Amino acid sequence: MIVASWNINSVRLRLPLLLDYLKERAPDVLCLQELKCTDEQFPRGEIEDAGYNALVHGQKSWNGVAILSRRPLDETQRGLPGVEDEQSRYLEALTQDGSGAIMRVATIYLPNGNPPGTDKTAYKYAWMDRLRAHARDLLKLEEPLVLAGDYNVIPAPQDARDPRAWEGDALYLPETRQRFRTLVNLGFTDALRACSDAGGLYTFWDYQAGAWQKNNGIRIDHLLLSPQAADRLESVAIDKDMRAKDKPSDHVPIRAEFRE
């Protein structure tokens, strides 16, 4: 079973790339972030024609998340519990692998938080605290769980080509990284780091200053696995080639394969 995550940065603009990806890589589940469209504007017909069911939590012009699955989806949570949130950043569902076993998947678009020291940073940290509380409850279910998405967190220096350039940025502030570690330390496994300790593994390259051409990237898209999912993990890949395509997102998909 393959579960992938991709900040698509406008699903309507990148629809041809999305359909190509679904055809070429054929993930069983694809978690999308930054849809930049409402539920009604989401290209559901094209997605269904490609063989996928879709759950969508959209928002006009900004944010928005979705889960695509080749098998049925049962929505379990829309938005993080506890506080009414005007921003569409979290969606969770149950799906199945090829053997019929249940897997819980969440798509996450964690706030950016910039500029530091503003209400945006406070919102980011409050959102992370709510995510941690909900994730703790999910772990009690003792089932395969993947928290997939754009976390807007650079976890460690090896996750940036030039970590010094990110000092003072909300993605790399000590408080941001500490909150991410606290989340992982609940009992989650960072899927990529379970498979490789190598540097140079990035999921985002800015559109500015030739970042892609210079490979000046960062790793901010993560797959966090419950123990039951981690036990089934076989491999992780970053589809870096997607950044070289025409009119790409500034993020690329990351995907994990699990035993069924």
Foldseek 3Di string as FASTA:
>chain_A
DKEKEWAFQACVVCVVVVLVCCVPVVGQKYKYKWNQDQPVPHPQVSLVVSQWDKDWHDDHRTIIIMMIGNFDWAWDDFDQPDDDDPHGFKTKTWGADPVRFIAIEMEGDQQQQPPPPDVSVVSRLVSLVSVLVVVLVVLVVVGKYKYWYQSLAQQDPLQWPHVVVCVNGSNYDPVSNVSVVSSLVSAKDFLQVVPDPHGLDFFFADPPDCRVVVSGGGHRTTIIIHPNQSVFWDDKDWPSVQVVDPPGDRGTMIMTDGDD
